[in-house]
Amino acid sequence: MHPPAYYQRTPGDVPSTVRNLLLSMKQLQDTLKHWSVNQATEAQVSDVYVQIGTDFNATVNAFAYHKIDLSDIYSIPKDLRTVLEQCLAEDPSPQVLAVFMPQVRQVLYRLLRGLQARQDAWRAVGGQMPMIPFDAR
């Protein structure tokens, strides 16, 4: 999914793992839009969801390396899966996407807010690079 340059290079590389997770979140929204007009398959949406799970776990591990707890957002992948399963159970259409995309965005927004809430903790452990770019929507 991501070019090799985006892979986490060192344990605890919070900026890289967060960047990868944000890229996956954007890719999911784009893939769902393509799915709604029959330009992406259910399997492609599923592949992006799996990538989000991988990136989410890498992010949790990177924060854990610095002893920063993310347990309050552990349910995000499960919550996202529930919404995606409901959406993908329908026939693809822009109308179906219009029904489910607000729920998808709500879950992704909760994830983003959970990460943003850790920025002070990240700085406290000596994090120099911004964890979340300003345009990460």
N, C-alpha and C. Protein backbone atom coordinates (compact mmCIF):
# COMPACT_ATOMS: atom_id res chain seq x y z
N MET A 1 0.81 -1.19 0.00
CA MET A 1 0.00 0.00 0.00
C MET A 1 0.86 1.26 0.00
N HIS A 2 1.84 1.34 0.90
CA HIS A 2 2.69 2.52 0.98
C HIS A 2 4.01 2.22 0.30
N PRO A 3 4.63 3.22 -0.30
CA PRO A 3 5.97 3.02 -0.83
C PRO A 3 6.92 2.68 0.32
N PRO A 4 7.98 1.93 0.04
CA PRO A 4 8.90 1.52 1.11
C PRO A 4 9.43 2.68 1.94
N ALA A 5 9.55 3.86 1.39
CA ALA A 5 10.08 5.00 2.14
C ALA A 5 9.21 5.35 3.34
N TYR A 6 7.97 4.93 3.35
CA TYR A 6 7.07 5.29 4.43
C TYR A 6 7.09 4.30 5.59
N TYR A 7 7.74 3.19 5.43
CA TYR A 7 7.73 2.20 6.50
C TYR A 7 8.50 2.71 7.71
N GLN A 8 8.04 2.26 8.86
CA GLN A 8 8.69 2.65 10.11
C GLN A 8 10.12 2.14 10.09
N ARG A 9 11.06 3.00 10.41
CA ARG A 9 12.47 2.63 10.33
C ARG A 9 13.05 2.24 11.68
N THR A 10 12.58 2.84 12.73
CA THR A 10 13.12 2.54 14.05
C THR A 10 11.96 2.35 15.02
N PRO A 11 12.18 1.55 16.06
CA PRO A 11 11.12 1.40 17.06
C PRO A 11 10.79 2.77 17.66
N GLY A 12 9.53 3.01 17.87
CA GLY A 12 9.12 4.26 18.48
C GLY A 12 9.10 5.44 17.53
N ASP A 13 9.13 5.19 16.23
CA ASP A 13 9.10 6.27 15.24
C ASP A 13 7.66 6.74 15.07
N VAL A 14 7.21 7.53 16.02
CA VAL A 14 5.82 7.99 16.05
C VAL A 14 5.45 8.79 14.80
N PRO A 15 6.24 9.78 14.38
CA PRO A 15 5.82 10.55 13.20
C PRO A 15 5.59 9.69 11.96
N SER A 16 6.46 8.71 11.72
CA SER A 16 6.29 7.86 10.54
C SER A 16 5.06 6.98 10.64
N THR A 17 4.84 6.40 11.82
CA THR A 17 3.68 5.52 11.95
C THR A 17 2.38 6.30 11.86
N VAL A 18 2.36 7.49 12.44
CA VAL A 18 1.16 8.32 12.36
C VAL A 18 0.93 8.75 10.91
N ARG A 19 1.99 9.14 10.22
CA ARG A 19 1.86 9.54 8.81
C ARG A 19 1.29 8.38 7.98
N ASN A 20 1.81 7.18 8.19
CA ASN A 20 1.30 6.02 7.46
C ASN A 20 -0.17 5.78 7.76
N LEU A 21 -0.55 5.91 9.02
CA LEU A 21 -1.95 5.71 9.40
C LEU A 21 -2.84 6.76 8.76
N LEU A 22 -2.41 8.00 8.75
CA LEU A 22 -3.19 9.06 8.10
C LEU A 22 -3.33 8.81 6.60
N LEU A 23 -2.27 8.34 5.97
CA LEU A 23 -2.34 8.02 4.54
C LEU A 23 -3.34 6.89 4.29
N SER A 24 -3.34 5.89 5.15
CA SER A 24 -4.28 4.78 5.01
C SER A 24 -5.72 5.24 5.21
N MET A 25 -5.93 6.14 6.16
CA MET A 25 -7.27 6.67 6.40
C MET A 25 -7.78 7.41 5.17
N LYS A 26 -6.91 8.20 4.56
CA LYS A 26 -7.29 8.92 3.34
C LYS A 26 -7.56 7.94 2.21
N GLN A 27 -6.72 6.93 2.11
CA GLN A 27 -6.89 5.93 1.05
C GLN A 27 -8.22 5.19 1.22
N LEU A 28 -8.63 4.92 2.44
CA LEU A 28 -9.91 4.25 2.67
C LEU A 28 -11.05 5.11 2.14
N GLN A 29 -11.04 6.38 2.47
CA GLN A 29 -12.11 7.26 2.00
C GLN A 29 -12.13 7.32 0.47
N ASP A 30 -10.96 7.40 -0.14
CA ASP A 30 -10.88 7.43 -1.61
C ASP A 30 -11.38 6.12 -2.21
N THR A 31 -10.98 5.00 -1.62
CA THR A 31 -11.38 3.69 -2.14
C THR A 31 -12.88 3.48 -2.00
N LEU A 32 -13.45 3.94 -0.90
CA LEU A 32 -14.91 3.84 -0.73
C LEU A 32 -15.64 4.66 -1.79
N LYS A 33 -15.12 5.83 -2.10
CA LYS A 33 -15.73 6.64 -3.16
C LYS A 33 -15.68 5.89 -4.49
N HIS A 34 -14.54 5.27 -4.77
CA HIS A 34 -14.43 4.49 -6.01
C HIS A 34 -15.36 3.27 -5.99
N TRP A 35 -15.48 2.62 -4.83
CA TRP A 35 -16.38 1.47 -4.70
C TRP A 35 -17.81 1.89 -5.02
N SER A 36 -18.21 3.06 -4.56
CA SER A 36 -19.60 3.50 -4.73
C SER A 36 -19.98 3.69 -6.19
N VAL A 37 -19.00 3.86 -7.06
CA VAL A 37 -19.27 4.02 -8.50
C VAL A 37 -18.67 2.86 -9.30
N ASN A 38 -18.50 1.72 -8.64
CA ASN A 38 -18.01 0.49 -9.26
C ASN A 38 -16.63 0.63 -9.89
N GLN A 39 -15.79 1.45 -9.29
CA GLN A 39 -14.41 1.57 -9.76
C GLN A 39 -13.41 0.94 -8.79
N ALA A 40 -13.92 0.33 -7.73
CA ALA A 40 -13.11 -0.43 -6.79
C ALA A 40 -13.98 -1.57 -6.27
N THR A 41 -13.33 -2.66 -5.92
CA THR A 41 -14.06 -3.83 -5.45
C THR A 41 -14.13 -3.85 -3.92
N GLU A 42 -15.01 -4.70 -3.43
CA GLU A 42 -15.11 -4.91 -1.99
C GLU A 42 -13.76 -5.39 -1.44
N ALA A 43 -13.07 -6.24 -2.22
CA ALA A 43 -11.76 -6.75 -1.79
C ALA A 43 -10.75 -5.61 -1.66
N GLN A 44 -10.82 -4.64 -2.55
CA GLN A 44 -9.89 -3.50 -2.46
C GLN A 44 -10.17 -2.66 -1.21
N VAL A 45 -11.44 -2.48 -0.89
CA VAL A 45 -11.79 -1.77 0.35
C VAL A 45 -11.27 -2.57 1.54
N SER A 46 -11.45 -3.87 1.50
CA SER A 46 -10.98 -4.74 2.57
C SER A 46 -9.46 -4.66 2.73
N ASP A 47 -8.75 -4.62 1.61
CA ASP A 47 -7.28 -4.51 1.66
C ASP A 47 -6.85 -3.22 2.35
N VAL A 48 -7.54 -2.13 2.07
CA VAL A 48 -7.20 -0.86 2.71
C VAL A 48 -7.51 -0.93 4.21
N TYR A 49 -8.62 -1.58 4.56
CA TYR A 49 -8.96 -1.75 5.97
C TYR A 49 -7.85 -2.54 6.69
N VAL A 50 -7.37 -3.60 6.05
CA VAL A 50 -6.28 -4.40 6.63
C VAL A 50 -5.04 -3.52 6.82
N GLN A 51 -4.75 -2.67 5.83
CA GLN A 51 -3.60 -1.76 5.95
C GLN A 51 -3.79 -0.79 7.11
N ILE A 52 -5.01 -0.30 7.29
CA ILE A 52 -5.28 0.57 8.44
C ILE A 52 -5.00 -0.18 9.74
N GLY A 53 -5.43 -1.44 9.81
CA GLY A 53 -5.16 -2.24 11.01
C GLY A 53 -3.67 -2.39 11.27
N THR A 54 -2.92 -2.66 10.21
CA THR A 54 -1.46 -2.79 10.33
C THR A 54 -0.84 -1.47 10.80
N ASP A 55 -1.26 -0.38 10.16
CA ASP A 55 -0.72 0.93 10.53
C ASP A 55 -1.16 1.35 11.93
N PHE A 56 -2.38 1.00 12.31
CA PHE A 56 -2.87 1.30 13.66
C PHE A 56 -2.01 0.57 14.69
N ASN A 57 -1.76 -0.72 14.47
CA ASN A 57 -0.95 -1.50 15.41
C ASN A 57 0.47 -0.95 15.50
N ALA A 58 1.04 -0.56 14.36
CA ALA A 58 2.39 0.04 14.37
C ALA A 58 2.39 1.34 15.17
N THR A 59 1.33 2.11 15.03
CA THR A 59 1.22 3.37 15.76
C THR A 59 1.10 3.12 17.26
N VAL A 60 0.25 2.18 17.64
CA VAL A 60 0.10 1.82 19.06
C VAL A 60 1.45 1.38 19.62
N ASN A 61 2.17 0.54 18.87
CA ASN A 61 3.47 0.05 19.33
C ASN A 61 4.50 1.18 19.43
N ALA A 62 4.47 2.11 18.48
CA ALA A 62 5.41 3.24 18.52
C ALA A 62 5.16 4.10 19.76
N PHE A 63 3.90 4.35 20.05
CA PHE A 63 3.58 5.12 21.26
C PHE A 63 3.96 4.34 22.51
N ALA A 64 3.69 3.04 22.51
CA ALA A 64 4.01 2.21 23.67
C ALA A 64 5.52 2.22 23.95
N TYR A 65 6.32 2.29 22.90
CA TYR A 65 7.77 2.37 23.05
C TYR A 65 8.15 3.56 23.93
N HIS A 66 7.38 4.62 23.83
CA HIS A 66 7.61 5.83 24.63
C HIS A 66 6.73 5.88 25.88
N LYS A 67 6.08 4.75 26.17
CA LYS A 67 5.21 4.61 27.34
C LYS A 67 4.03 5.59 27.30
N ILE A 68 3.49 5.79 26.09
CA ILE A 68 2.30 6.62 25.91
C ILE A 68 1.14 5.68 25.59
N ASP A 69 0.14 5.70 26.44
CA ASP A 69 -0.99 4.77 26.35
C ASP A 69 -2.04 5.24 25.34
N LEU A 70 -2.48 4.33 24.50
CA LEU A 70 -3.55 4.63 23.54
C LEU A 70 -4.77 3.73 23.76
N SER A 71 -4.88 3.13 24.93
CA SER A 71 -5.93 2.13 25.14
C SER A 71 -7.34 2.67 24.92
N ASP A 72 -7.54 3.97 25.07
CA ASP A 72 -8.88 4.52 24.87
C ASP A 72 -9.32 4.49 23.41
N ILE A 73 -8.41 4.26 22.48
CA ILE A 73 -8.80 4.18 21.06
C ILE A 73 -8.61 2.78 20.49
N TYR A 74 -8.36 1.79 21.34
CA TYR A 74 -8.18 0.42 20.86
C TYR A 74 -9.39 -0.09 20.07
N SER A 75 -10.58 0.41 20.35
CA SER A 75 -11.79 -0.10 19.68
C SER A 75 -11.95 0.44 18.26
N ILE A 76 -11.13 1.39 17.85
CA ILE A 76 -11.31 2.03 16.54
C ILE A 76 -11.33 1.02 15.39
N PRO A 77 -10.36 0.10 15.27
CA PRO A 77 -10.43 -0.84 14.13
C PRO A 77 -11.73 -1.67 14.12
N LYS A 78 -12.17 -2.11 15.29
CA LYS A 78 -13.41 -2.88 15.37
C LYS A 78 -14.61 -2.01 14.98
N ASP A 79 -14.64 -0.79 15.47
CA ASP A 79 -15.74 0.12 15.14
C ASP A 79 -15.77 0.41 13.64
N LEU A 80 -14.60 0.60 13.06
CA LEU A 80 -14.51 0.85 11.63
C LEU A 80 -14.97 -0.37 10.84
N ARG A 81 -14.56 -1.54 11.29
CA ARG A 81 -14.96 -2.76 10.59
C ARG A 81 -16.48 -2.92 10.59
N THR A 82 -17.12 -2.63 11.71
CA THR A 82 -18.58 -2.74 11.80
C THR A 82 -19.26 -1.87 10.76
N VAL A 83 -18.83 -0.62 10.65
CA VAL A 83 -19.42 0.30 9.67
C VAL A 83 -19.14 -0.18 8.25
N LEU A 84 -17.91 -0.61 7.99
CA LEU A 84 -17.56 -1.06 6.63
C LEU A 84 -18.36 -2.30 6.24
N GLU A 85 -18.54 -3.23 7.17
CA GLU A 85 -19.33 -4.43 6.87
C GLU A 85 -20.76 -4.06 6.51
N GLN A 86 -21.34 -3.12 7.24
CA GLN A 86 -22.70 -2.68 6.93
C GLN A 86 -22.76 -2.02 5.56
N CYS A 87 -21.79 -1.19 5.28
CA CYS A 87 -21.75 -0.48 3.99
C CYS A 87 -21.58 -1.47 2.84
N LEU A 88 -20.60 -2.36 2.97
CA LEU A 88 -20.29 -3.28 1.88
C LEU A 88 -21.34 -4.37 1.69
N ALA A 89 -22.23 -4.52 2.65
CA ALA A 89 -23.33 -5.48 2.51
C ALA A 89 -24.37 -4.97 1.51
N GLU A 90 -24.31 -3.69 1.22
CA GLU A 90 -25.22 -3.07 0.26
C GLU A 90 -24.60 -3.10 -1.14
N ASP A 91 -25.44 -2.90 -2.14
CA ASP A 91 -24.92 -2.76 -3.50
C ASP A 91 -24.26 -1.39 -3.61
N PRO A 92 -23.12 -1.33 -4.32
CA PRO A 92 -22.41 -0.05 -4.43
C PRO A 92 -23.26 1.02 -5.11
N SER A 93 -23.29 2.19 -4.51
CA SER A 93 -23.96 3.34 -5.12
C SER A 93 -23.56 4.59 -4.34
N PRO A 94 -23.62 5.74 -4.98
CA PRO A 94 -23.34 6.98 -4.25
C PRO A 94 -24.32 7.19 -3.08
N GLN A 95 -25.55 6.71 -3.24
CA GLN A 95 -26.54 6.87 -2.17
C GLN A 95 -26.15 6.05 -0.93
N VAL A 96 -25.67 4.83 -1.16
CA VAL A 96 -25.22 3.99 -0.04
C VAL A 96 -24.02 4.65 0.64
N LEU A 97 -23.10 5.14 -0.16
CA LEU A 97 -21.94 5.82 0.41
C LEU A 97 -22.37 7.03 1.24
N ALA A 98 -23.35 7.77 0.75
CA ALA A 98 -23.85 8.95 1.48
C ALA A 98 -24.42 8.57 2.84
N VAL A 99 -24.98 7.37 2.94
CA VAL A 99 -25.53 6.90 4.21
C VAL A 99 -24.41 6.52 5.18
N PHE A 100 -23.38 5.84 4.68
CA PHE A 100 -22.35 5.28 5.57
C PHE A 100 -21.11 6.14 5.75
N MET A 101 -20.80 7.01 4.80
CA MET A 101 -19.57 7.80 4.92
C MET A 101 -19.53 8.67 6.17
N PRO A 102 -20.65 9.26 6.60
CA PRO A 102 -20.59 10.03 7.86
C PRO A 102 -20.15 9.18 9.05
N GLN A 103 -20.58 7.91 9.09
CA GLN A 103 -20.17 7.02 10.18
C GLN A 103 -18.69 6.67 10.06
N VAL A 104 -18.23 6.42 8.84
CA VAL A 104 -16.81 6.13 8.61
C VAL A 104 -15.99 7.33 9.08
N ARG A 105 -16.39 8.50 8.66
CA ARG A 105 -15.64 9.71 9.03
C ARG A 105 -15.67 9.95 10.53
N GLN A 106 -16.78 9.62 11.17
CA GLN A 106 -16.87 9.80 12.62
C GLN A 106 -15.84 8.91 13.33
N VAL A 107 -15.72 7.66 12.89
CA VAL A 107 -14.74 6.75 13.49
C VAL A 107 -13.32 7.27 13.24
N LEU A 108 -13.05 7.68 12.00
CA LEU A 108 -11.72 8.20 11.68
C LEU A 108 -11.42 9.48 12.45
N TYR A 109 -12.43 10.31 12.65
CA TYR A 109 -12.25 11.54 13.41
C TYR A 109 -11.92 11.22 14.88
N ARG A 110 -12.59 10.22 15.44
CA ARG A 110 -12.28 9.80 16.82
C ARG A 110 -10.83 9.35 16.92
N LEU A 111 -10.36 8.64 15.90
CA LEU A 111 -8.97 8.20 15.88
C LEU A 111 -8.03 9.40 15.82
N LEU A 112 -8.32 10.33 14.94
CA LEU A 112 -7.49 11.52 14.81
C LEU A 112 -7.46 12.32 16.10
N ARG A 113 -8.61 12.50 16.73
CA ARG A 113 -8.68 13.23 18.00
C ARG A 113 -7.89 12.51 19.08
N GLY A 114 -7.97 11.18 19.10
CA GLY A 114 -7.20 10.41 20.08
C GLY A 114 -5.71 10.60 19.90
N LEU A 115 -5.27 10.66 18.65
CA LEU A 115 -3.85 10.88 18.38
C LEU A 115 -3.45 12.32 18.73
N GLN A 116 -4.29 13.26 18.36
CA GLN A 116 -3.99 14.66 18.67
C GLN A 116 -3.88 14.89 20.18
N ALA A 117 -4.68 14.16 20.94
CA ALA A 117 -4.66 14.30 22.39
C ALA A 117 -3.33 13.86 22.99
N ARG A 118 -2.52 13.12 22.22
CA ARG A 118 -1.23 12.63 22.71
C ARG A 118 -0.07 13.54 22.34
N GLN A 119 -0.32 14.61 21.64
CA GLN A 119 0.79 15.45 21.18
C GLN A 119 1.61 16.03 22.33
N ASP A 120 0.95 16.43 23.41
CA ASP A 120 1.71 16.95 24.55
C ASP A 120 2.57 15.85 25.18
N ALA A 121 2.01 14.65 25.30
CA ALA A 121 2.78 13.53 25.84
C ALA A 121 3.96 13.21 24.92
N TRP A 122 3.75 13.31 23.62
CA TRP A 122 4.82 13.06 22.65
C TRP A 122 5.94 14.08 22.83
N ARG A 123 5.58 15.34 22.97
CA ARG A 123 6.59 16.38 23.19
C ARG A 123 7.32 16.16 24.52
N ALA A 124 6.59 15.71 25.53
CA ALA A 124 7.18 15.50 26.85
C ALA A 124 8.26 14.43 26.85
N VAL A 125 8.17 13.47 25.93
CA VAL A 125 9.20 12.43 25.85
C VAL A 125 10.29 12.81 24.85
N GLY A 126 10.28 14.05 24.41
CA GLY A 126 11.34 14.52 23.54
C GLY A 126 11.03 14.45 22.07
N GLY A 127 9.77 14.22 21.72
CA GLY A 127 9.40 14.17 20.31
C GLY A 127 9.63 15.51 19.65
N GLN A 128 10.46 15.54 18.62
CA GLN A 128 10.82 16.79 17.97
C GLN A 128 9.94 17.10 16.77
N MET A 129 9.61 16.08 16.00
CA MET A 129 8.81 16.30 14.80
C MET A 129 7.34 16.37 15.17
N PRO A 130 6.56 17.20 14.47
CA PRO A 130 5.13 17.18 14.74
C PRO A 130 4.57 15.80 14.42
N MET A 131 3.75 15.33 15.30
CA MET A 131 3.16 14.01 15.14
C MET A 131 2.12 14.01 14.04
N ILE A 132 1.30 15.06 14.00
CA ILE A 132 0.21 15.14 13.04
C ILE A 132 0.36 16.46 12.29
N PRO A 133 0.50 16.37 10.97
CA PRO A 133 0.60 17.60 10.19
C PRO A 133 -0.68 18.42 10.34
N PHE A 134 -0.57 19.71 10.12
CA PHE A 134 -1.73 20.59 10.28
C PHE A 134 -2.84 20.28 9.30
N ASP A 135 -2.53 19.74 8.13
CA ASP A 135 -3.56 19.48 7.11
C ASP A 135 -4.02 18.03 7.09
N ALA A 136 -4.02 17.37 8.23
CA ALA A 136 -4.31 15.93 8.29
C ALA A 136 -5.80 15.65 8.37
N ARG A 137 -6.57 16.16 7.46
CA ARG A 137 -8.00 15.86 7.48
C ARG A 137 -8.37 15.03 6.33
